[in-house]
């Protein structure tokens, strides 16, 4: 175990080194949020996108829970993440987002909504929604890491959470997005090396021993979930399709992933980013769910909580010395996600709420200080919620993420995605999507919860089981958002020409061609 602790210590020192190296790169709001005027190259942006996309939730929550439930069919989630959530998302959104945010001079998603639709209240409401619903996602990442370190290293979860929060807050506070992107690049390389080592060790374990025929022929490891027993709203086929769509299409409207397009440098960088981010997502997504499916060959994982499946496998199959590498793999995925989520959450409050509504004349320096402080507060609140969830078991890790992604994507899918490709989107349509998706999310949680348990069950039981259907709810809300945005836009007055000209001006100076 000594080599493992040495590897962890070296990793922590490297992150501290990044914090001090980048301490002078976040003196203004633009520096802190967008890494300066020039932006980042394609490789750094692609790794920042990929490491933000995949966190401890995929390795601990999703791989353990759904790899066990669906077998090899869970790999379709990873493939969907690479094709829909990365390749197609970059092709459709990257250039359009970069150009439009430059034209509108928007640094955050709420600021984009305000300037695109000419509504200051929309900026305020969307900022509050983003901040509130990114917190449970951040907390789910902390919970995933605590499970890993408790089982593999015997370190209490609360110690891991606090240490991780302190480390993330340090380099985020000093270096902002540039520090995040630089650490993401290093962490992305670690993730690629780590997943290769993890797959190799699991395949080389006594339980599997490179027997491909065993994997292919095992009845629990089918590539598809279709069957008579899988019919119905809550069957495994519907669940799997919901997970693919939620985790693949949902990132099209999440502020922490969309932010990466704001800060990319130029057309060449976008072309690089498309290829690099897709390859990265394919490798990480496939490896995570494949190893989760292999839990069928580890009897020690039978009956353990889903969050403990992968950590239990690591303790069995990974030799001393490599455990630290695998731990850093999951740690890297988590820290990059946490820093991006914290940056997205704090920026909407500092820029959109404080300077947008409370003090419009606030200096750049003051807003920058507030944003840095809010990063620390966001991290602290996330840790507190994660500790409460660990103690009381409020919600499973995967479903905390599902609620966060589903609600945010449901509110903003139509307003953002259609807003960058279609001139006809109107302000009433945007409000219909935001308010309607919030109401629909809450309503469906209770409807599905009571439907699964009977309408005479308690509110607590209905709420718990309703949250368990969060992937399906998220998909319904995303479809609702797209449909309601189109319908209401067609039924309401066309936006003012001035707004359309500003947003869709094809002759804007500095536009990426």
Protein backbone atom coordinates (compact mmCIF):
# COMPACT_ATOMS: atom_id res chain seq x y z
CA UNK A 1 0.00 0.00 0.00
CA UNK A 2 2.96 2.37 0.49
CA UNK A 3 3.51 2.87 -3.28
CA UNK A 4 -0.18 3.70 -3.65
CA UNK A 5 0.00 6.42 -1.02
CA UNK A 6 3.15 7.80 -2.63
CA UNK A 7 1.35 8.04 -5.99
CA UNK A 8 -1.58 9.83 -4.37
CA UNK A 9 0.77 12.25 -2.61
CA UNK A 10 2.60 13.03 -5.86
CA UNK A 11 -0.71 13.68 -7.59
CA UNK A 12 -1.80 16.06 -4.83
CA UNK A 13 1.52 17.92 -5.05
CA UNK A 14 1.09 18.23 -8.83
CA UNK A 15 -2.32 19.86 -8.38
CA UNK A 16 -0.88 22.27 -5.81
CA UNK A 17 1.90 23.05 -8.27
CA UNK A 18 -0.67 23.92 -10.95
CA UNK A 19 -2.39 26.26 -8.51
CA UNK A 20 0.77 28.25 -7.93
CA UNK A 21 1.89 28.10 -11.56
CA UNK A 22 -1.38 29.65 -12.73
CA UNK A 23 -1.87 32.09 -9.85
CA UNK A 24 -1.32 35.12 -12.11
CA UNK A 25 -3.65 33.91 -14.87
CA UNK A 26 -6.96 34.92 -13.27
CA UNK A 27 -6.70 38.64 -12.57
CA UNK A 28 -9.86 39.58 -14.48
CA UNK A 29 -13.29 38.04 -14.95
CA UNK A 30 -12.40 37.16 -18.54
CA UNK A 31 -9.16 35.50 -17.40
CA UNK A 32 -10.83 33.58 -14.60
CA UNK A 33 -13.79 32.37 -16.63
CA UNK A 34 -12.50 32.09 -20.21
CA UNK A 35 -8.71 31.75 -19.81
CA UNK A 36 -8.01 35.14 -21.41
CA UNK A 37 -8.77 36.73 -24.76
CA UNK A 38 -7.09 34.14 -26.99
CA UNK A 39 -8.82 31.13 -25.51
CA UNK A 40 -7.52 27.55 -25.45
CA UNK A 41 -6.35 25.21 -28.19
CA UNK A 42 -8.30 22.18 -29.34
CA UNK A 43 -6.43 19.57 -27.30
CA UNK A 44 -6.86 21.37 -23.99
CA UNK A 45 -10.50 22.18 -24.69
CA UNK A 46 -11.23 18.59 -25.76
CA UNK A 47 -9.66 17.16 -22.60
CA UNK A 48 -11.47 19.76 -20.50
CA UNK A 49 -14.76 18.71 -22.12
CA UNK A 50 -14.10 15.00 -21.68
CA UNK A 51 -12.91 15.15 -18.09
CA UNK A 52 -15.86 17.36 -17.17
CA UNK A 53 -18.21 14.88 -18.86
CA UNK A 54 -16.89 11.81 -17.02
CA UNK A 55 -16.44 11.80 -13.25
CA UNK A 56 -16.52 9.39 -10.33
CA UNK A 57 -20.24 9.02 -11.01
CA UNK A 58 -19.63 7.06 -14.20
CA UNK A 59 -17.02 4.75 -12.63
CA UNK A 60 -18.60 4.28 -9.21
CA UNK A 61 -22.30 5.05 -9.66
CA UNK A 62 -23.17 4.28 -13.25
CA UNK A 63 -20.66 1.51 -14.04
CA UNK A 64 -21.40 -0.32 -10.81
CA UNK A 65 -25.16 0.08 -10.89
CA UNK A 66 -25.95 -0.22 -14.57
CA UNK A 67 -23.05 -2.47 -15.54
CA UNK A 68 -24.47 -4.93 -13.04
CA UNK A 69 -28.08 -4.38 -14.13
CA UNK A 70 -27.65 -4.44 -17.92
CA UNK A 71 -24.43 -6.39 -18.46
CA UNK A 72 -22.63 -5.64 -21.74
CA UNK A 73 -25.70 -3.73 -22.91
CA UNK A 74 -24.61 -0.91 -20.60
CA UNK A 75 -21.72 -0.25 -23.04
CA UNK A 76 -24.31 1.36 -25.34
CA UNK A 77 -24.43 4.20 -22.81
CA UNK A 78 -20.73 4.84 -23.35
CA UNK A 79 -21.10 4.62 -27.12
CA UNK A 80 -24.01 7.06 -27.00
CA UNK A 81 -21.89 9.44 -24.90
CA UNK A 82 -19.14 9.37 -27.54
CA UNK A 83 -21.35 9.67 -30.65
CA UNK A 84 -24.29 11.82 -29.50
CA UNK A 85 -22.89 13.55 -26.44
CA UNK A 86 -19.50 14.37 -27.96
CA UNK A 87 -19.13 14.00 -31.75
CA UNK A 88 -22.53 15.31 -32.84
CA UNK A 89 -22.66 17.85 -30.00
CA UNK A 90 -19.35 19.38 -31.09
CA UNK A 91 -20.33 19.41 -34.77
CA UNK A 92 -23.65 21.12 -34.09
CA UNK A 93 -22.87 23.43 -31.18
CA UNK A 94 -19.16 24.30 -30.92
CA UNK A 95 -18.80 26.78 -33.78
CA UNK A 96 -22.29 28.24 -33.37
CA UNK A 97 -21.81 28.75 -29.64
CA UNK A 98 -18.38 30.36 -30.01
CA UNK A 99 -19.61 32.76 -32.70
CA UNK A 100 -22.83 33.74 -30.98
CA UNK A 101 -21.32 34.27 -27.54
CA UNK A 102 -18.68 36.49 -29.16
CA UNK A 103 -21.34 38.55 -30.91
CA UNK A 104 -23.45 38.91 -27.78
CA UNK A 105 -20.44 39.24 -25.45
CA UNK A 106 -21.93 36.58 -23.19
CA UNK A 107 -19.72 34.75 -20.69
CA UNK A 108 -22.36 32.48 -19.13
CA UNK A 109 -25.49 30.66 -20.23
CA UNK A 110 -27.86 33.02 -18.33
CA UNK A 111 -26.10 36.00 -19.91
CA UNK A 112 -26.61 34.37 -23.30
CA UNK A 113 -30.33 34.00 -22.57
CA UNK A 114 -30.63 37.64 -21.52
CA UNK A 115 -28.94 39.01 -24.63
CA UNK A 116 -30.38 36.49 -27.06
CA UNK A 117 -33.98 36.97 -25.91
CA UNK A 118 -33.82 40.48 -24.42
CA UNK A 119 -35.04 39.51 -20.95
CA UNK A 120 -33.15 40.33 -17.76
CA UNK A 121 -35.52 38.31 -15.56
CA UNK A 122 -34.74 35.21 -17.62
CA UNK A 123 -31.08 35.65 -16.75
CA UNK A 124 -31.88 35.85 -13.05
CA UNK A 125 -34.14 32.80 -12.97
CA UNK A 126 -31.82 30.63 -15.07
CA UNK A 127 -28.85 31.61 -12.86
CA UNK A 128 -30.67 30.46 -9.72
CA UNK A 129 -31.75 27.19 -11.37
CA UNK A 130 -28.21 26.44 -12.53
CA UNK A 131 -26.68 27.12 -9.13
CA UNK A 132 -29.24 25.05 -7.22
CA UNK A 133 -29.24 22.01 -9.50
CA UNK A 134 -25.48 21.79 -10.00
CA UNK A 135 -25.00 21.28 -6.27
CA UNK A 136 -26.53 17.75 -6.11
CA UNK A 137 -24.41 16.73 -9.10
CA UNK A 138 -21.30 18.01 -7.36
CA UNK A 139 -22.33 16.21 -4.16
CA UNK A 140 -22.80 12.94 -6.06
CA UNK A 141 -19.17 13.15 -7.22
CA UNK A 142 -17.96 13.50 -3.62
CA UNK A 143 -20.09 10.52 -2.58
CA UNK A 144 -18.63 8.38 -5.35
CA UNK A 145 -15.06 9.12 -4.32
CA UNK A 146 -15.73 8.52 -0.64
CA UNK A 147 -17.03 5.02 -1.46
CA UNK A 148 -13.86 4.23 -3.40
CA UNK A 149 -11.40 5.37 -0.74
CA UNK A 150 -13.33 3.80 2.13
CA UNK A 151 -13.32 0.35 0.55
CA UNK A 152 -9.92 0.32 -1.18
CA UNK A 153 -7.83 2.38 1.25
CA UNK A 154 -9.85 2.23 4.44
CA UNK A 155 -9.96 6.03 4.67
CA UNK A 156 -13.16 7.49 6.10
CA UNK A 157 -15.35 9.19 3.53
CA UNK A 158 -15.55 12.58 5.23
CA UNK A 159 -11.75 12.88 5.24
CA UNK A 160 -11.63 12.16 1.50
CA UNK A 161 -14.36 14.70 0.75
CA UNK A 162 -12.72 17.50 2.69
CA UNK A 163 -9.25 16.80 1.26
CA UNK A 164 -10.62 16.69 -2.29
CA UNK A 165 -12.63 19.87 -1.77
CA UNK A 166 -9.59 21.71 -0.42
CA UNK A 167 -7.40 20.60 -3.32
CA UNK A 168 -9.99 21.49 -5.97
CA UNK A 169 -10.75 24.84 -4.38
CA UNK A 170 -7.04 25.70 -4.22
CA UNK A 171 -6.21 25.50 -7.91
CA UNK A 172 -9.62 26.78 -8.97
CA UNK A 173 -9.35 29.84 -6.71
CA UNK A 174 -5.86 30.74 -7.89
CA UNK A 175 -5.98 29.87 -11.58
CA UNK A 176 -9.63 29.81 -12.65
CA UNK A 177 -10.48 28.17 -15.97
CA UNK A 178 -6.89 28.13 -17.20
CA UNK A 179 -5.82 26.15 -14.12
CA UNK A 180 -8.84 23.90 -14.57
CA UNK A 181 -8.03 23.27 -18.24
CA UNK A 182 -4.34 22.64 -17.54
CA UNK A 183 -5.16 20.20 -14.76
CA UNK A 184 -7.84 18.63 -16.98
CA UNK A 185 -5.23 17.97 -19.66
CA UNK A 186 -2.95 16.21 -17.17
CA UNK A 187 -5.87 14.41 -15.55
CA UNK A 188 -7.18 13.34 -18.97
CA UNK A 189 -3.88 11.65 -19.77
CA UNK A 190 -3.99 9.94 -16.37
CA UNK A 191 -7.55 8.79 -17.07
CA UNK A 192 -6.58 7.22 -20.39
CA UNK A 193 -3.63 5.38 -18.85
CA UNK A 194 -5.72 4.39 -15.85
CA UNK A 195 -8.63 2.87 -17.77
CA UNK A 196 -6.25 0.81 -19.92
CA UNK A 197 -4.59 -0.52 -16.75
CA UNK A 198 -7.97 -1.18 -15.16
CA UNK A 199 -9.35 -3.16 -18.10
CA UNK A 200 -6.08 -5.12 -18.38
CA UNK A 201 -6.10 -6.04 -14.68
CA UNK A 202 -9.75 -7.10 -14.67
CA UNK A 203 -9.31 -9.20 -17.80
CA UNK A 204 -6.16 -10.75 -16.30
CA UNK A 205 -7.84 -11.54 -12.98
CA UNK A 206 -8.42 -15.12 -11.86
CA UNK A 207 -12.17 -14.68 -12.26
CA UNK A 208 -11.97 -13.68 -15.96
CA UNK A 209 -8.50 -14.75 -17.11
CA UNK A 210 -8.86 -13.35 -20.66
CA UNK A 211 -11.61 -15.84 -21.48
CA UNK A 212 -13.55 -13.90 -24.12
CA UNK A 213 -15.88 -16.82 -24.77
CA UNK A 214 -16.93 -16.73 -21.12
CA UNK A 215 -17.81 -13.05 -21.42
CA UNK A 216 -19.65 -13.39 -24.74
CA UNK A 217 -21.61 -16.51 -23.74
CA UNK A 218 -22.55 -15.50 -20.20
CA UNK A 219 -26.37 -15.13 -20.09
CA UNK A 220 -26.04 -12.16 -17.73
CA UNK A 221 -23.87 -10.23 -20.21
CA UNK A 222 -26.07 -9.84 -23.27
CA UNK A 223 -25.61 -6.87 -25.60
CA UNK A 224 -29.34 -6.13 -25.64
CA UNK A 225 -32.02 -5.89 -22.96
CA UNK A 226 -35.04 -6.62 -25.14
CA UNK A 227 -37.31 -9.38 -23.91
CA UNK A 228 -40.79 -10.16 -22.62
CA UNK A 229 -39.76 -9.41 -19.04
CA UNK A 230 -38.55 -5.97 -20.05
CA UNK A 231 -41.83 -4.51 -21.22
CA UNK A 232 -43.44 -1.59 -19.47
CA UNK A 233 -42.55 1.92 -18.42
CA UNK A 234 -40.07 0.77 -15.78
CA UNK A 235 -38.61 -2.18 -17.69
CA UNK A 236 -34.89 -2.50 -18.37
CA UNK A 237 -35.20 -1.61 -22.07
CA UNK A 238 -36.89 1.72 -21.32
CA UNK A 239 -34.41 2.34 -18.48
CA UNK A 240 -31.40 1.71 -20.71
CA UNK A 241 -32.70 3.92 -23.52
CA UNK A 242 -33.46 6.64 -20.97
CA UNK A 243 -29.92 6.48 -19.62
CA UNK A 244 -28.41 6.67 -23.10
CA UNK A 245 -30.48 9.72 -24.02
CA UNK A 246 -30.10 11.49 -20.66
CA UNK A 247 -26.32 11.15 -20.47
CA UNK A 248 -25.74 11.72 -24.20
CA UNK A 249 -28.26 14.41 -25.15
CA UNK A 250 -28.35 16.09 -21.74
CA UNK A 251 -24.82 17.51 -22.09
CA UNK A 252 -26.04 19.59 -25.04
CA UNK A 253 -27.64 21.99 -22.55
CA UNK A 254 -25.49 21.74 -19.41
CA UNK A 255 -23.66 24.99 -18.53
CA UNK A 256 -20.44 23.26 -17.44
CA UNK A 257 -19.98 21.50 -20.79
CA UNK A 258 -21.28 24.33 -23.00
CA UNK A 259 -18.79 26.65 -21.31
CA UNK A 260 -15.95 24.81 -23.06
CA UNK A 261 -17.14 26.12 -26.43
CA UNK A 262 -17.04 29.71 -25.16
CA UNK A 263 -13.32 29.55 -24.49
CA UNK A 264 -12.04 27.63 -27.53
CA UNK A 265 -9.56 29.53 -29.68
CA UNK A 266 -10.46 29.20 -33.37
CA UNK A 267 -11.74 26.99 -36.20
CA UNK A 268 -8.60 24.84 -36.17
CA UNK A 269 -9.02 24.26 -32.45
CA UNK A 270 -12.64 23.20 -32.98
CA UNK A 271 -11.61 20.69 -35.67
CA UNK A 272 -9.02 19.24 -33.28
CA UNK A 273 -11.51 19.20 -30.45
CA UNK A 274 -14.09 17.22 -32.40
CA UNK A 275 -11.67 14.34 -33.01
CA UNK A 276 -9.83 14.34 -29.69
CA UNK A 277 -12.92 14.64 -27.48
CA UNK A 278 -14.74 11.86 -29.39
CA UNK A 279 -11.84 9.42 -29.13
CA UNK A 280 -11.44 10.29 -25.44
CA UNK A 281 -15.15 9.74 -24.72
CA UNK A 282 -15.22 6.44 -26.62
CA UNK A 283 -12.27 5.01 -24.67
CA UNK A 284 -13.46 6.18 -21.25
CA UNK A 285 -17.13 5.33 -21.81
CA UNK A 286 -16.44 1.85 -23.15
CA UNK A 287 -13.92 0.99 -20.44
CA UNK A 288 -16.11 2.19 -17.57
CA UNK A 289 -19.22 0.21 -18.50
CA UNK A 290 -17.26 -2.82 -19.68
CA UNK A 291 -15.55 -3.15 -16.31
CA UNK A 292 -18.91 -2.64 -14.60
CA UNK A 293 -20.35 -5.53 -16.61
CA UNK A 294 -17.44 -7.75 -15.53
CA UNK A 295 -18.74 -7.55 -11.96
CA UNK A 296 -20.85 -10.60 -12.88
CA UNK A 297 -17.65 -12.68 -12.54
CA UNK A 298 -16.84 -11.37 -9.06
CA UNK A 299 -19.06 -13.14 -6.49
CA UNK A 300 -17.73 -10.80 -3.81
CA UNK A 301 -19.79 -8.00 -5.37
CA UNK A 302 -23.08 -9.87 -5.06
CA UNK A 303 -25.42 -8.17 -2.63
CA UNK A 304 -23.20 -5.13 -2.00
CA UNK A 305 -24.58 -1.63 -2.59
CA UNK A 306 -24.16 -0.42 -6.16
CA UNK A 307 -21.70 2.28 -5.13
CA UNK A 308 -19.41 -0.42 -3.70
CA UNK A 309 -19.35 -2.76 -6.71
CA UNK A 310 -16.42 -1.23 -8.60
CA UNK A 311 -14.37 -0.40 -5.45
CA UNK A 312 -14.79 -4.02 -4.33
CA UNK A 313 -13.55 -5.25 -7.71
CA UNK A 314 -10.56 -2.91 -7.52
CA UNK A 315 -9.60 -4.32 -4.12
CA UNK A 316 -9.62 -7.84 -5.59
CA UNK A 317 -8.16 -7.49 -9.08
CA UNK A 318 -5.75 -4.56 -8.89
CA UNK A 319 -2.25 -5.36 -7.54
CA UNK A 320 -0.44 -3.15 -5.05
CA UNK A 321 1.19 -0.22 -6.77
CA UNK A 322 -1.46 -0.02 -9.48
CA UNK A 323 -4.26 0.67 -7.01
CA UNK A 324 -2.92 4.19 -6.62
CA UNK A 325 -2.95 4.68 -10.39
CA UNK A 326 -6.58 3.55 -10.66
CA UNK A 327 -7.52 5.71 -7.67
CA UNK A 328 -5.94 8.71 -9.41
CA UNK A 329 -7.93 7.81 -12.54
CA UNK A 330 -11.19 8.23 -10.65
CA UNK A 331 -9.82 11.14 -8.62
CA UNK A 332 -8.79 12.92 -11.81
CA UNK A 333 -12.19 12.42 -13.42
CA UNK A 334 -13.85 13.80 -10.32
CA UNK A 335 -11.65 16.81 -9.68
CA UNK A 336 -12.00 18.05 -13.25
CA UNK A 337 -15.78 17.71 -13.04
CA UNK A 338 -15.92 19.40 -9.65
CA UNK A 339 -13.85 22.36 -10.76
CA UNK A 340 -15.96 22.87 -13.91
CA UNK A 341 -19.23 22.54 -12.03
CA UNK A 342 -18.02 24.91 -9.29
CA UNK A 343 -16.89 27.44 -11.92
CA UNK A 344 -20.22 27.26 -13.72
CA UNK A 345 -22.22 27.56 -10.49
CA UNK A 346 -20.24 30.47 -9.05
CA UNK A 347 -20.04 32.44 -12.30
CA UNK A 348 -23.80 32.59 -12.79
CA UNK A 349 -24.26 34.08 -9.32
CA UNK A 350 -21.37 36.56 -9.54
CA UNK A 351 -21.95 37.71 -13.10
CA UNK A 352 -25.65 37.14 -13.71
CA UNK A 353 -27.12 37.73 -10.26
CA UNK A 354 -24.72 40.14 -8.54
CA UNK A 355 -23.56 42.32 -11.43
CA UNK A 356 -26.69 41.64 -13.44
CA UNK A 357 -29.26 42.61 -10.81
CA UNK A 358 -27.73 43.74 -7.51
CA UNK A 359 -24.83 45.99 -8.49
CA UNK A 360 -24.69 46.69 -12.20
CA UNK A 361 -21.76 49.07 -11.78
CA UNK A 362 -19.58 46.57 -9.93
CA UNK A 363 -15.95 46.66 -11.06
CA UNK A 364 -14.35 43.78 -12.85
CA UNK A 365 -12.02 43.23 -9.92
CA UNK A 366 -14.87 43.10 -7.42
CA UNK A 367 -16.85 40.60 -9.50
CA UNK A 368 -13.73 38.47 -9.88
CA UNK A 369 -13.20 38.37 -6.10
CA UNK A 370 -16.87 37.48 -5.54
CA UNK A 371 -16.69 34.72 -8.15
CA UNK A 372 -13.61 33.21 -6.50
CA UNK A 373 -15.29 33.37 -3.10
CA UNK A 374 -18.44 31.76 -4.46
CA UNK A 375 -16.34 28.90 -5.85
CA UNK A 376 -15.26 28.16 -2.29
CA UNK A 377 -18.83 28.42 -1.01
CA UNK A 378 -20.12 26.15 -3.78
CA UNK A 379 -17.51 23.51 -2.92
CA UNK A 380 -18.35 23.73 0.80
CA UNK A 381 -22.12 23.40 0.27
CA UNK A 382 -21.58 20.42 -2.04
CA UNK A 383 -19.47 18.68 0.59
CA UNK A 384 -22.10 19.27 3.29
CA UNK A 385 -24.84 17.77 1.11
CA UNK A 386 -22.59 14.82 0.24
CA UNK A 387 -21.92 14.19 3.94
CA UNK A 388 -25.64 14.31 4.71
CA UNK A 389 -26.36 11.94 1.84
CA UNK A 390 -23.68 9.54 3.08
CA UNK A 391 -25.16 9.56 6.58
CA UNK A 392 -28.86 9.38 5.74
CA UNK A 393 -28.85 7.80 2.26
CA UNK A 394 -31.02 10.56 0.77
CA UNK A 395 -30.50 9.36 -2.82
CA UNK A 396 -28.32 6.98 -4.79
CA UNK A 397 -25.28 8.54 -6.45
CA UNK A 398 -26.49 7.85 -9.97
CA UNK A 399 -29.93 9.31 -9.30
CA UNK A 400 -28.56 12.50 -7.74
CA UNK A 401 -26.74 13.05 -11.01
CA UNK A 402 -29.88 12.11 -12.96
CA UNK A 403 -32.01 14.73 -11.22
CA UNK A 404 -29.36 17.40 -11.79
CA UNK A 405 -28.81 16.63 -15.48
CA UNK A 406 -32.47 16.01 -16.22
CA UNK A 407 -33.73 19.23 -14.66
CA UNK A 408 -31.08 21.48 -16.21
CA UNK A 409 -31.32 19.87 -19.66
CA UNK A 410 -35.11 19.92 -19.47
CA UNK A 411 -35.20 23.63 -18.71
CA UNK A 412 -32.57 24.72 -21.24
CA UNK A 413 -32.55 22.19 -24.09
CA UNK A 414 -35.00 24.09 -26.27
CA UNK A 415 -33.94 27.64 -25.30
CA UNK A 416 -30.23 26.99 -25.80
CA UNK A 417 -29.92 24.39 -28.60
CA UNK A 418 -32.70 25.81 -30.75
CA UNK A 419 -31.62 29.30 -29.75
CA UNK A 420 -28.25 28.98 -31.50
CA UNK A 421 -29.61 27.37 -34.69
CA UNK A 422 -33.07 28.90 -35.23
CA UNK A 423 -33.90 32.60 -35.41
CA UNK A 424 -37.60 32.07 -34.71
CA UNK A 425 -37.27 31.10 -31.01
CA UNK A 426 -39.22 33.60 -28.89
CA UNK A 427 -39.08 34.79 -25.30
CA UNK A 428 -42.48 33.26 -24.33
CA UNK A 429 -41.26 29.92 -25.68
CA UNK A 430 -38.19 30.07 -23.48
CA UNK A 431 -40.25 30.84 -20.38
CA UNK A 432 -42.62 27.99 -21.27
CA UNK A 433 -39.69 25.59 -21.40
CA UNK A 434 -38.10 26.72 -18.15
CA UNK A 435 -41.24 26.87 -16.02
CA UNK A 436 -42.91 23.90 -17.68
CA UNK A 437 -39.89 21.63 -17.22
CA UNK A 438 -39.57 22.50 -13.52
CA UNK A 439 -43.25 21.74 -12.91
CA UNK A 440 -43.07 18.59 -15.04
CA UNK A 441 -40.01 17.31 -13.16
CA UNK A 442 -41.61 17.66 -9.74
CA UNK A 443 -44.93 16.29 -10.95
CA UNK A 444 -43.44 13.21 -12.62
CA UNK A 445 -41.33 12.35 -9.56
CA UNK A 446 -44.49 11.92 -7.50
CA UNK A 447 -46.60 10.43 -10.30
CA UNK A 448 -44.03 7.72 -11.02
CA UNK A 449 -43.32 7.21 -7.33
CA UNK A 450 -46.97 6.61 -6.48
CA UNK A 451 -47.52 4.58 -9.64
CA UNK A 452 -44.75 2.16 -8.66
CA UNK A 453 -45.91 1.73 -5.06
CA UNK A 454 -49.63 2.30 -5.16
CA UNK A 455 -51.42 5.56 -4.52
CA UNK A 456 -51.85 4.75 -0.82
CA UNK A 457 -48.11 4.75 -0.08
CA UNK A 458 -46.42 7.47 1.97
CA UNK A 459 -45.04 10.65 0.45
CA UNK A 460 -41.51 9.63 1.47
CA UNK A 461 -41.70 6.30 -0.35
CA UNK A 462 -43.19 7.91 -3.45
CA UNK A 463 -40.48 10.59 -3.46
CA UNK A 464 -37.66 8.08 -3.08
CA UNK A 465 -38.87 5.77 -5.84
CA UNK A 466 -39.83 8.71 -8.03
CA UNK A 467 -36.27 10.03 -7.85
CA UNK A 468 -35.20 6.53 -8.90
CA UNK A 469 -36.87 7.15 -12.27
CA UNK A 470 -34.85 10.36 -12.83
CA UNK A 471 -33.31 9.23 -16.15
CA UNK A 472 -36.76 8.68 -17.67
CA UNK A 473 -38.03 11.96 -16.21
CA UNK A 474 -35.02 13.80 -17.64
CA UNK A 475 -35.64 12.44 -21.13
CA UNK A 476 -39.34 13.35 -21.00
CA UNK A 477 -38.43 16.89 -19.91
CA UNK A 478 -35.85 17.29 -22.70
CA UNK A 479 -38.38 16.22 -25.34
CA UNK A 480 -40.96 18.52 -23.74
CA UNK A 481 -38.50 21.43 -23.83
CA UNK A 482 -37.80 21.01 -27.55
CA UNK A 483 -41.47 20.59 -28.45
CA UNK A 484 -42.82 23.44 -26.31
CA UNK A 485 -40.11 25.78 -27.60
CA UNK A 486 -41.03 25.08 -31.21
CA UNK A 487 -44.80 25.23 -30.71
CA UNK A 488 -44.88 28.40 -28.62
CA UNK A 489 -42.34 30.12 -30.92
CA UNK A 490 -44.57 29.48 -33.91
CA UNK A 491 -47.65 30.75 -32.06
CA UNK A 492 -46.09 33.95 -30.71
CA UNK A 493 -44.71 37.13 -32.22
CA UNK A 494 -41.38 36.88 -34.01
CA UNK A 495 -38.43 38.33 -32.03
CA UNK A 496 -37.36 41.91 -32.70
CA UNK A 497 -35.10 42.38 -35.73
CA UNK A 498 -32.46 44.06 -33.60
CA UNK A 499 -32.08 41.00 -31.41
CA UNK A 500 -31.94 38.66 -34.40
CA UNK A 501 -29.38 40.84 -36.17
CA UNK A 502 -27.16 40.96 -33.09
CA UNK A 503 -27.36 37.23 -32.47
CA UNK A 504 -27.16 35.93 -36.05
CA UNK A 505 -25.03 38.58 -37.76
CA UNK A 506 -23.00 36.65 -40.34
CA UNK A 507 -20.57 39.51 -40.85
CA UNK A 508 -19.48 39.84 -37.24
CA UNK A 509 -15.83 40.78 -36.97
CA UNK A 510 -13.75 37.99 -35.49
CA UNK A 511 -16.27 35.26 -36.30
CA UNK A 512 -14.90 31.76 -36.79
CA UNK A 513 -15.40 30.92 -40.47
